[in-house]
Amino acid sequence: MPFKRGDTCYIMEDNPHPTQVKVVSKQGTTYIVQLIGSCGAMKLPEERLFATSEEAEASRKAPKASVSVQLSDSNGRSNVIEIQDMFKK
């Protein structure tokens, strides 16, 4: 969705909630936006800007599934690791 100078939109940063920003300028499909109530600006591609906070939240990617390794010995006992003493005679 194209935005113009002065428009208010939302971005997703590292925090879990959308952040409201104001469009300062546009260069092709890249926008320069300023956090509301803050100095400084960020340069972001158009796909990172959203018209509503709901759209921004919906864009959040689902967390990746974590995988845990379970080790077992030949007798089927889980979580057992045998370390042989290679210095033992």
C-alpha atoms as a PDB file:
ATOM      1  CA  MET A   1       0.000   0.000   0.000  1.00  0.00           C
ATOM      2  CA  PRO A   2       1.596   3.291  -1.008  1.00  0.00           C
ATOM      3  CA  PHE A   3       1.898   5.933   1.686  1.00  0.00           C
ATOM      4  CA  LYS A   4       2.621   9.623   1.250  1.00  0.00           C
ATOM      5  CA  ARG A   5       4.481  12.204   3.302  1.00  0.00           C
ATOM      6  CA  GLY A   6       2.733  12.881   6.618  1.00  0.00           C
ATOM      7  CA  ASP A   7       0.815   9.576   6.684  1.00  0.00           C
ATOM      8  CA  THR A   8       0.780   7.603   9.920  1.00  0.00           C
ATOM      9  CA  CYS A   9       1.413   3.874   9.671  1.00  0.00           C
ATOM     10  CA  TYR A  10       2.690   0.986  11.789  1.00  0.00           C
ATOM     11  CA  ILE A  11       5.788  -1.182  11.841  1.00  0.00           C
ATOM     12  CA  MET A  12       6.791  -4.286  13.773  1.00  0.00           C
ATOM     13  CA  GLU A  13      10.048  -3.925  15.657  1.00  0.00           C
ATOM     14  CA  ASP A  14      11.668  -6.293  18.146  1.00  0.00           C
ATOM     15  CA  ASN A  15       8.894  -5.776  20.681  1.00  0.00           C
ATOM     16  CA  PRO A  16       5.602  -7.712  20.444  1.00  0.00           C
ATOM     17  CA  HIS A  17       3.419  -4.660  19.737  1.00  0.00           C
ATOM     18  CA  PRO A  18       3.190  -2.539  16.565  1.00  0.00           C
ATOM     19  CA  THR A  19       4.952   0.821  16.656  1.00  0.00           C
ATOM     20  CA  GLN A  20       3.311   3.902  15.183  1.00  0.00           C
ATOM     21  CA  VAL A  21       5.463   5.918  12.759  1.00  0.00           C
ATOM     22  CA  LYS A  22       5.060   8.922  10.483  1.00  0.00           C
ATOM     23  CA  VAL A  23       6.177   8.920   6.839  1.00  0.00           C
ATOM     24  CA  VAL A  24       8.812  11.622   6.292  1.00  0.00           C
ATOM     25  CA  SER A  25       9.627  10.848   2.652  1.00  0.00           C
ATOM     26  CA  LYS A  26       9.535   8.181  -0.032  1.00  0.00           C
ATOM     27  CA  GLN A  27      12.286   7.097  -2.424  1.00  0.00           C
ATOM     28  CA  GLY A  28      10.950   4.500  -4.869  1.00  0.00           C
ATOM     29  CA  THR A  29       9.609   1.657  -2.721  1.00  0.00           C
ATOM     30  CA  THR A  30      11.692   2.720   0.280  1.00  0.00           C
ATOM     31  CA  TYR A  31      10.301   5.014   2.959  1.00  0.00           C
ATOM     32  CA  ILE A  32      11.940   7.172   5.562  1.00  0.00           C
ATOM     33  CA  VAL A  33       9.811   7.051   8.706  1.00  0.00           C
ATOM     34  CA  GLN A  34      10.072   8.673  12.122  1.00  0.00           C
ATOM     35  CA  LEU A  35       8.893   7.166  15.383  1.00  0.00           C
ATOM     36  CA  ILE A  36       6.094   9.301  16.806  1.00  0.00           C
ATOM     37  CA  GLY A  37       7.497  11.472  19.615  1.00  0.00           C
ATOM     38  CA  SER A  38      11.117  10.704  18.795  1.00  0.00           C
ATOM     39  CA  CYS A  39      14.025  12.226  16.919  1.00  0.00           C
ATOM     40  CA  GLY A  40      15.813  10.318  14.199  1.00  0.00           C
ATOM     41  CA  ALA A  41      14.449   8.297  11.321  1.00  0.00           C
ATOM     42  CA  MET A  42      14.563   4.817   9.791  1.00  0.00           C
ATOM     43  CA  LYS A  43      14.730   3.740   6.186  1.00  0.00           C
ATOM     44  CA  LEU A  44      12.372   0.813   5.527  1.00  0.00           C
ATOM     45  CA  PRO A  45      11.038  -1.028   2.479  1.00  0.00           C
ATOM     46  CA  GLU A  46       7.327  -0.637   1.712  1.00  0.00           C
ATOM     47  CA  GLU A  47       6.523  -4.220   2.772  1.00  0.00           C
ATOM     48  CA  ARG A  48       7.487  -3.385   6.376  1.00  0.00           C
ATOM     49  CA  LEU A  49       4.845  -0.619   6.681  1.00  0.00           C
ATOM     50  CA  PHE A  50       1.210  -1.335   7.571  1.00  0.00           C
ATOM     51  CA  ALA A  51      -1.903   0.858   7.506  1.00  0.00           C
ATOM     52  CA  THR A  52      -3.285  -0.481  10.806  1.00  0.00           C
ATOM     53  CA  SER A  53      -1.875  -2.012  13.943  1.00  0.00           C
ATOM     54  CA  GLU A  54      -3.959  -5.145  13.246  1.00  0.00           C
ATOM     55  CA  GLU A  55      -2.271  -5.621   9.849  1.00  0.00           C
ATOM     56  CA  ALA A  56       1.126  -5.209  11.499  1.00  0.00           C
ATOM     57  CA  GLU A  57       0.321  -7.814  14.159  1.00  0.00           C
ATOM     58  CA  ALA A  58      -1.009 -10.224  11.532  1.00  0.00           C
ATOM     59  CA  SER A  59       2.306  -9.980   9.676  1.00  0.00           C
ATOM     60  CA  ARG A  60       4.216 -11.364  12.642  1.00  0.00           C
ATOM     61  CA  LYS A  61       5.707 -14.721  11.792  1.00  0.00           C
ATOM     62  CA  ALA A  62       4.770 -17.746  13.852  1.00  0.00           C
ATOM     63  CA  PRO A  63       7.515 -18.835  16.258  1.00  0.00           C
ATOM     64  CA  LYS A  64       9.736 -21.590  14.969  1.00  0.00           C
ATOM     65  CA  ALA A  65       9.326 -24.990  16.545  1.00  0.00           C
ATOM     66  CA  SER A  66      12.198 -26.025  18.728  1.00  0.00           C
ATOM     67  CA  VAL A  67      13.653 -29.486  18.507  1.00  0.00           C
ATOM     68  CA  SER A  68      15.308 -31.280  21.378  1.00  0.00           C
ATOM     69  CA  VAL A  69      17.676 -34.162  20.853  1.00  0.00           C
ATOM     70  CA  GLN A  70      17.020 -37.282  22.841  1.00  0.00           C
ATOM     71  CA  LEU A  71      19.856 -39.731  23.174  1.00  0.00           C
ATOM     72  CA  SER A  72      19.456 -43.383  24.059  1.00  0.00           C
ATOM     73  CA  ASP A  73      21.769 -46.323  24.475  1.00  0.00           C
ATOM     74  CA  SER A  74      21.414 -49.734  22.852  1.00  0.00           C
ATOM     75  CA  ASN A  75      19.267 -50.957  25.781  1.00  0.00           C
ATOM     76  CA  GLY A  76      16.657 -48.270  25.086  1.00  0.00           C
ATOM     77  CA  ARG A  77      17.461 -46.146  28.139  1.00  0.00           C
ATOM     78  CA  SER A  78      16.963 -42.521  27.199  1.00  0.00           C
ATOM     79  CA  ASN A  79      19.211 -39.606  28.091  1.00  0.00           C
ATOM     80  CA  VAL A  80      22.203 -41.847  28.786  1.00  0.00           C
ATOM     81  CA  ILE A  81      25.594 -41.114  27.344  1.00  0.00           C
ATOM     82  CA  GLU A  82      28.419 -43.500  28.084  1.00  0.00           C
ATOM     83  CA  ILE A  83      31.911 -42.063  27.956  1.00  0.00           C
ATOM     84  CA  GLN A  84      34.692 -44.585  27.816  1.00  0.00           C
ATOM     85  CA  ASP A  85      37.955 -43.825  29.555  1.00  0.00           C
ATOM     86  CA  MET A  86      40.519 -44.037  26.765  1.00  0.00           C
ATOM     87  CA  PHE A  87      43.384 -43.743  29.267  1.00  0.00           C
ATOM     88  CA  LYS A  88      42.255 -46.791  31.213  1.00  0.00           C
ATOM     89  CA  LYS A  89      44.474 -49.865  30.671  1.00  0.00           C
END
